[in-house]
Amino acid sequence: TAVTYVDDFVGRILSTLRAQQLDESTIVFFASDNGASNEGNQDYRFFASSGALSGYKRSLKEGGHRTPLIVRWPHQIAPGSVSEYQWTFYDFLATVADLSNASVPYNDGESMVWTLFGEFQPQ
């Protein structure tokens, strides 16, 4: 299945980082680009893929856009921590630039560093 495939490859990435002794100092971001699929005879309702949200991929409802983001950064982000803060892909550039002390050309994104460290960040 797709879940098994993704799980296998994320495991390979983490194993490679561990083998290269980079796992303790590397930030890993894992995200999806859209909500649950309703294409190709897929029924997004079968596994309750959108959870409590209505809609699916390419719909204009929350279930079509809101997806989880998983961030792993040992000794910086507490394992199992959860945030309800909503961010989007254009926030990624601002966040990574902030973490690496780099400047970026204008973009609409906001750095989510406060949120990653579990601090309050006004929305």
N, C-alpha and C. Protein backbone atom coordinates (compact mmCIF):
# COMPACT_ATOMS: atom_id res chain seq x y z
N THR A 1 0.84 -1.19 0.00
CA THR A 1 0.00 0.00 0.00
C THR A 1 0.88 1.25 0.00
N ALA A 2 0.25 2.36 -0.27
CA ALA A 2 0.98 3.63 -0.29
C ALA A 2 1.55 3.96 1.09
N VAL A 3 0.80 3.65 2.14
CA VAL A 3 1.27 3.93 3.49
C VAL A 3 2.51 3.12 3.81
N THR A 4 2.51 1.85 3.44
CA THR A 4 3.67 0.98 3.67
C THR A 4 4.86 1.48 2.87
N TYR A 5 4.63 1.90 1.63
CA TYR A 5 5.68 2.41 0.76
C TYR A 5 6.32 3.65 1.38
N VAL A 6 5.50 4.61 1.80
CA VAL A 6 6.02 5.84 2.41
C VAL A 6 6.76 5.50 3.71
N ASP A 7 6.17 4.65 4.53
CA ASP A 7 6.80 4.27 5.80
C ASP A 7 8.17 3.64 5.56
N ASP A 8 8.27 2.79 4.55
CA ASP A 8 9.54 2.15 4.22
C ASP A 8 10.59 3.19 3.82
N PHE A 9 10.22 4.13 2.98
CA PHE A 9 11.19 5.12 2.52
C PHE A 9 11.57 6.13 3.59
N VAL A 10 10.64 6.51 4.44
CA VAL A 10 11.00 7.38 5.57
C VAL A 10 11.96 6.63 6.48
N GLY A 11 11.71 5.34 6.70
CA GLY A 11 12.63 4.52 7.48
C GLY A 11 14.02 4.45 6.87
N ARG A 12 14.10 4.36 5.56
CA ARG A 12 15.39 4.33 4.88
C ARG A 12 16.14 5.66 5.07
N ILE A 13 15.42 6.75 4.97
CA ILE A 13 16.05 8.06 5.17
C ILE A 13 16.59 8.18 6.58
N LEU A 14 15.78 7.81 7.57
CA LEU A 14 16.22 7.90 8.96
C LEU A 14 17.38 6.95 9.24
N SER A 15 17.35 5.75 8.64
CA SER A 15 18.45 4.79 8.82
C SER A 15 19.74 5.33 8.21
N THR A 16 19.64 5.96 7.06
CA THR A 16 20.82 6.54 6.42
C THR A 16 21.40 7.67 7.27
N LEU A 17 20.53 8.52 7.79
CA LEU A 17 21.00 9.59 8.67
C LEU A 17 21.72 9.00 9.89
N ARG A 18 21.14 7.95 10.45
CA ARG A 18 21.74 7.28 11.62
C ARG A 18 23.09 6.67 11.26
N ALA A 19 23.16 6.00 10.11
CA ALA A 19 24.41 5.36 9.68
C ALA A 19 25.51 6.39 9.44
N GLN A 20 25.13 7.57 9.00
CA GLN A 20 26.10 8.64 8.74
C GLN A 20 26.33 9.51 9.98
N GLN A 21 25.73 9.11 11.09
CA GLN A 21 25.81 9.84 12.36
C GLN A 21 25.34 11.29 12.22
N LEU A 22 24.28 11.45 11.43
CA LEU A 22 23.69 12.76 11.23
C LEU A 22 22.31 12.88 11.85
N ASP A 23 21.79 11.78 12.37
CA ASP A 23 20.40 11.76 12.85
C ASP A 23 20.14 12.69 14.04
N GLU A 24 21.14 12.93 14.88
CA GLU A 24 20.94 13.77 16.06
C GLU A 24 21.02 15.26 15.73
N SER A 25 21.54 15.60 14.56
CA SER A 25 21.73 17.02 14.22
C SER A 25 20.99 17.43 12.95
N THR A 26 20.07 16.58 12.49
CA THR A 26 19.35 16.86 11.26
C THR A 26 17.86 17.05 11.55
N ILE A 27 17.29 18.10 10.98
CA ILE A 27 15.85 18.33 11.09
C ILE A 27 15.19 17.60 9.92
N VAL A 28 14.18 16.80 10.21
CA VAL A 28 13.44 16.10 9.18
C VAL A 28 12.01 16.63 9.19
N PHE A 29 11.57 17.15 8.06
CA PHE A 29 10.19 17.61 7.87
C PHE A 29 9.49 16.60 6.99
N PHE A 30 8.28 16.23 7.36
CA PHE A 30 7.48 15.32 6.55
C PHE A 30 6.09 15.93 6.44
N ALA A 31 5.64 16.16 5.21
CA ALA A 31 4.34 16.79 4.99
C ALA A 31 3.66 16.22 3.76
N SER A 32 2.38 16.47 3.68
CA SER A 32 1.60 16.10 2.51
C SER A 32 1.19 17.37 1.78
N ASP A 33 0.97 17.26 0.50
CA ASP A 33 0.62 18.45 -0.27
C ASP A 33 -0.87 18.74 -0.33
N ASN A 34 -1.70 17.77 -0.08
CA ASN A 34 -3.15 17.95 -0.16
C ASN A 34 -3.85 16.99 0.79
N GLY A 35 -5.15 17.12 0.85
CA GLY A 35 -5.94 16.21 1.67
C GLY A 35 -6.07 14.84 1.01
N ALA A 36 -6.96 14.04 1.56
CA ALA A 36 -7.16 12.67 1.10
C ALA A 36 -7.68 12.63 -0.33
N SER A 37 -7.22 11.65 -1.08
CA SER A 37 -7.61 11.52 -2.49
C SER A 37 -9.02 10.94 -2.61
N ASN A 38 -9.71 11.41 -3.63
CA ASN A 38 -11.02 10.86 -3.98
C ASN A 38 -11.03 10.52 -5.47
N GLU A 39 -9.85 10.19 -5.98
CA GLU A 39 -9.70 9.93 -7.42
C GLU A 39 -9.31 8.48 -7.65
N GLY A 40 -9.47 8.00 -8.86
CA GLY A 40 -9.05 6.65 -9.22
C GLY A 40 -9.74 5.58 -8.41
N ASN A 41 -11.03 5.74 -8.23
CA ASN A 41 -11.85 4.80 -7.45
C ASN A 41 -11.47 4.75 -5.97
N GLN A 42 -10.78 5.78 -5.49
CA GLN A 42 -10.47 5.89 -4.06
C GLN A 42 -11.68 6.50 -3.36
N ASP A 43 -11.98 6.04 -2.19
CA ASP A 43 -13.05 6.64 -1.39
C ASP A 43 -12.41 7.16 -0.11
N TYR A 44 -12.22 8.46 -0.03
CA TYR A 44 -11.56 9.07 1.12
C TYR A 44 -12.28 8.78 2.43
N ARG A 45 -13.54 8.40 2.35
CA ARG A 45 -14.30 8.11 3.58
C ARG A 45 -14.00 6.72 4.14
N PHE A 46 -13.42 5.84 3.33
CA PHE A 46 -13.21 4.45 3.74
C PHE A 46 -12.39 4.35 5.03
N PHE A 47 -11.28 5.05 5.11
CA PHE A 47 -10.45 5.04 6.31
C PHE A 47 -10.65 6.31 7.13
N ALA A 48 -11.72 7.05 6.85
CA ALA A 48 -11.94 8.34 7.50
C ALA A 48 -10.70 9.22 7.33
N SER A 49 -10.18 9.23 6.11
CA SER A 49 -8.90 9.89 5.83
C SER A 49 -8.89 11.38 6.12
N SER A 50 -10.04 12.03 6.06
CA SER A 50 -10.10 13.45 6.36
C SER A 50 -10.44 13.71 7.82
N GLY A 51 -10.58 12.65 8.59
CA GLY A 51 -10.92 12.81 10.01
C GLY A 51 -12.24 13.55 10.16
N ALA A 52 -12.24 14.52 11.03
CA ALA A 52 -13.46 15.29 11.30
C ALA A 52 -13.68 16.39 10.27
N LEU A 53 -12.74 16.56 9.34
CA LEU A 53 -12.85 17.63 8.35
C LEU A 53 -13.67 17.17 7.16
N SER A 54 -14.44 18.07 6.58
CA SER A 54 -15.19 17.70 5.39
C SER A 54 -14.36 18.02 4.15
N GLY A 55 -14.57 17.26 3.11
CA GLY A 55 -13.86 17.50 1.86
C GLY A 55 -12.71 16.55 1.64
N TYR A 56 -12.06 16.69 0.49
CA TYR A 56 -10.99 15.81 0.06
C TYR A 56 -10.10 16.58 -0.90
N LYS A 57 -9.04 15.96 -1.37
CA LYS A 57 -8.07 16.59 -2.28
C LYS A 57 -8.78 17.31 -3.44
N ARG A 58 -8.37 18.52 -3.68
CA ARG A 58 -8.89 19.41 -4.72
C ARG A 58 -10.26 19.99 -4.40
N SER A 59 -10.81 19.70 -3.25
CA SER A 59 -12.06 20.36 -2.87
C SER A 59 -11.69 21.65 -2.15
N LEU A 60 -12.64 22.53 -2.00
CA LEU A 60 -12.38 23.81 -1.34
C LEU A 60 -12.67 23.76 0.16
N LYS A 61 -12.91 22.58 0.67
CA LYS A 61 -13.19 22.43 2.10
C LYS A 61 -11.91 22.07 2.84
N GLU A 62 -11.96 22.16 4.18
CA GLU A 62 -10.76 21.94 4.98
C GLU A 62 -10.10 20.59 4.75
N GLY A 63 -10.88 19.56 4.53
CA GLY A 63 -10.33 18.23 4.30
C GLY A 63 -9.48 18.15 3.04
N GLY A 64 -9.63 19.13 2.15
CA GLY A 64 -8.84 19.16 0.93
C GLY A 64 -7.51 19.87 1.08
N HIS A 65 -7.35 20.60 2.19
CA HIS A 65 -6.15 21.42 2.33
C HIS A 65 -5.37 21.17 3.61
N ARG A 66 -6.06 20.90 4.68
CA ARG A 66 -5.36 20.71 5.95
C ARG A 66 -4.76 19.32 6.02
N THR A 67 -3.48 19.25 6.22
CA THR A 67 -2.78 17.98 6.31
C THR A 67 -1.78 18.07 7.46
N PRO A 68 -1.39 16.95 8.02
CA PRO A 68 -0.42 16.99 9.11
C PRO A 68 0.98 17.31 8.62
N LEU A 69 1.75 17.87 9.50
CA LEU A 69 3.17 18.10 9.28
C LEU A 69 3.89 17.44 10.45
N ILE A 70 4.88 16.64 10.16
CA ILE A 70 5.66 15.98 11.19
C ILE A 70 7.08 16.51 11.11
N VAL A 71 7.61 16.94 12.24
CA VAL A 71 8.97 17.46 12.28
C VAL A 71 9.74 16.70 13.34
N ARG A 72 10.89 16.18 12.97
CA ARG A 72 11.76 15.47 13.91
C ARG A 72 13.07 16.23 14.02
N TRP A 73 13.39 16.64 15.25
CA TRP A 73 14.66 17.32 15.50
C TRP A 73 15.07 16.98 16.93
N PRO A 74 15.86 15.92 17.09
CA PRO A 74 16.24 15.47 18.43
C PRO A 74 16.88 16.57 19.27
N HIS A 75 16.52 16.59 20.53
CA HIS A 75 17.05 17.52 21.53
C HIS A 75 16.57 18.96 21.32
N GLN A 76 15.75 19.20 20.32
CA GLN A 76 15.23 20.53 20.07
C GLN A 76 13.71 20.56 20.14
N ILE A 77 13.07 19.58 19.52
CA ILE A 77 11.61 19.48 19.53
C ILE A 77 11.24 18.25 20.35
N ALA A 78 10.39 18.47 21.33
CA ALA A 78 10.00 17.38 22.23
C ALA A 78 9.24 16.30 21.46
N PRO A 79 9.65 15.04 21.59
CA PRO A 79 8.92 13.95 20.93
C PRO A 79 7.46 13.93 21.36
N GLY A 80 6.57 13.72 20.41
CA GLY A 80 5.15 13.63 20.72
C GLY A 80 4.46 14.97 20.90
N SER A 81 5.18 16.06 20.75
CA SER A 81 4.54 17.36 20.92
C SER A 81 3.60 17.64 19.75
N VAL A 82 2.55 18.39 20.02
CA VAL A 82 1.52 18.68 19.02
C VAL A 82 1.22 20.16 19.05
N SER A 83 0.97 20.73 17.90
CA SER A 83 0.58 22.13 17.78
C SER A 83 -0.66 22.23 16.91
N GLU A 84 -1.55 23.08 17.27
CA GLU A 84 -2.74 23.33 16.45
C GLU A 84 -2.50 24.51 15.49
N TYR A 85 -1.31 25.08 15.53
CA TYR A 85 -1.00 26.23 14.68
C TYR A 85 -1.07 25.83 13.21
N GLN A 86 -1.74 26.61 12.42
CA GLN A 86 -1.88 26.30 11.00
C GLN A 86 -0.82 27.05 10.20
N TRP A 87 -0.08 26.29 9.41
CA TRP A 87 0.89 26.91 8.51
C TRP A 87 0.80 26.24 7.16
N THR A 88 1.48 26.82 6.20
CA THR A 88 1.36 26.34 4.84
C THR A 88 2.76 26.23 4.22
N PHE A 89 2.85 25.68 3.03
CA PHE A 89 4.16 25.41 2.45
C PHE A 89 5.01 26.65 2.25
N TYR A 90 4.40 27.80 1.98
CA TYR A 90 5.27 28.96 1.81
C TYR A 90 5.85 29.44 3.13
N ASP A 91 5.36 28.93 4.25
CA ASP A 91 6.00 29.20 5.54
C ASP A 91 7.27 28.38 5.72
N PHE A 92 7.40 27.30 4.98
CA PHE A 92 8.57 26.43 5.10
C PHE A 92 9.86 27.19 4.76
N LEU A 93 9.85 27.95 3.66
CA LEU A 93 11.05 28.69 3.26
C LEU A 93 11.45 29.67 4.34
N ALA A 94 10.50 30.43 4.85
CA ALA A 94 10.80 31.41 5.90
C ALA A 94 11.31 30.71 7.16
N THR A 95 10.77 29.56 7.49
CA THR A 95 11.18 28.82 8.68
C THR A 95 12.60 28.29 8.54
N VAL A 96 12.90 27.64 7.42
CA VAL A 96 14.23 27.08 7.21
C VAL A 96 15.27 28.20 7.11
N ALA A 97 14.91 29.28 6.48
CA ALA A 97 15.84 30.42 6.40
C ALA A 97 16.12 30.96 7.80
N ASP A 98 15.10 31.06 8.62
CA ASP A 98 15.27 31.53 10.00
C ASP A 98 16.17 30.58 10.79
N LEU A 99 15.94 29.29 10.65
CA LEU A 99 16.75 28.30 11.37
C LEU A 99 18.21 28.31 10.93
N SER A 100 18.46 28.65 9.68
CA SER A 100 19.83 28.63 9.16
C SER A 100 20.46 30.02 9.07
N ASN A 101 19.77 31.01 9.64
CA ASN A 101 20.26 32.40 9.62
C ASN A 101 20.51 32.90 8.21
N ALA A 102 19.69 32.48 7.27
CA ALA A 102 19.82 32.91 5.88
C ALA A 102 18.75 33.96 5.57
N SER A 103 19.02 34.78 4.61
CA SER A 103 18.01 35.73 4.16
C SER A 103 17.37 35.17 2.90
N VAL A 104 16.13 35.51 2.70
CA VAL A 104 15.41 35.05 1.52
C VAL A 104 14.78 36.26 0.84
N PRO A 105 14.57 36.15 -0.46
CA PRO A 105 13.83 37.22 -1.12
C PRO A 105 12.41 37.27 -0.57
N TYR A 106 11.71 38.30 -0.86
CA TYR A 106 10.36 38.45 -0.35
C TYR A 106 9.53 37.20 -0.63
N ASN A 107 8.81 36.77 0.38
CA ASN A 107 7.79 35.74 0.18
C ASN A 107 6.72 35.97 1.23
N ASP A 108 5.57 35.38 1.05
CA ASP A 108 4.44 35.60 1.94
C ASP A 108 4.52 34.77 3.22
N GLY A 109 5.51 33.90 3.32
CA GLY A 109 5.59 32.99 4.45
C GLY A 109 6.04 33.65 5.74
N GLU A 110 5.71 32.98 6.83
CA GLU A 110 6.14 33.40 8.16
C GLU A 110 6.97 32.27 8.77
N SER A 111 8.00 32.63 9.49
CA SER A 111 8.80 31.63 10.18
C SER A 111 7.97 31.02 11.31
N MET A 112 8.01 29.71 11.39
CA MET A 112 7.28 28.98 12.43
C MET A 112 8.21 28.45 13.51
N VAL A 113 9.37 29.07 13.67
CA VAL A 113 10.36 28.60 14.63
C VAL A 113 9.78 28.59 16.05
N TRP A 114 9.05 29.61 16.43
CA TRP A 114 8.47 29.63 17.79
C TRP A 114 7.59 28.40 18.01
N THR A 115 6.78 28.11 17.01
CA THR A 115 5.87 26.96 17.11
C THR A 115 6.66 25.65 17.22
N LEU A 116 7.72 25.50 16.44
CA LEU A 116 8.53 24.29 16.50
C LEU A 116 9.10 24.07 17.91
N PHE A 117 9.45 25.14 18.57
CA PHE A 117 10.01 25.03 19.93
C PHE A 117 8.94 25.01 21.00
N GLY A 118 7.67 24.92 20.60
CA GLY A 118 6.58 24.80 21.56
C GLY A 118 6.22 26.10 22.25
N GLU A 119 6.63 27.22 21.67
CA GLU A 119 6.31 28.52 22.26
C GLU A 119 5.08 29.09 21.58
N PHE A 120 4.40 30.00 22.28
CA PHE A 120 3.22 30.64 21.70
C PHE A 120 3.62 31.49 20.51
N GLN A 121 2.86 31.36 19.46
CA GLN A 121 3.08 32.18 18.28
C GLN A 121 1.72 32.73 17.85
N PRO A 122 1.56 34.07 17.90
CA PRO A 122 0.28 34.63 17.50
C PRO A 122 -0.01 34.33 16.03
N GLN A 123 -1.27 34.13 15.72
CA GLN A 123 -1.65 33.80 14.34
C GLN A 123 -2.34 34.96 13.69
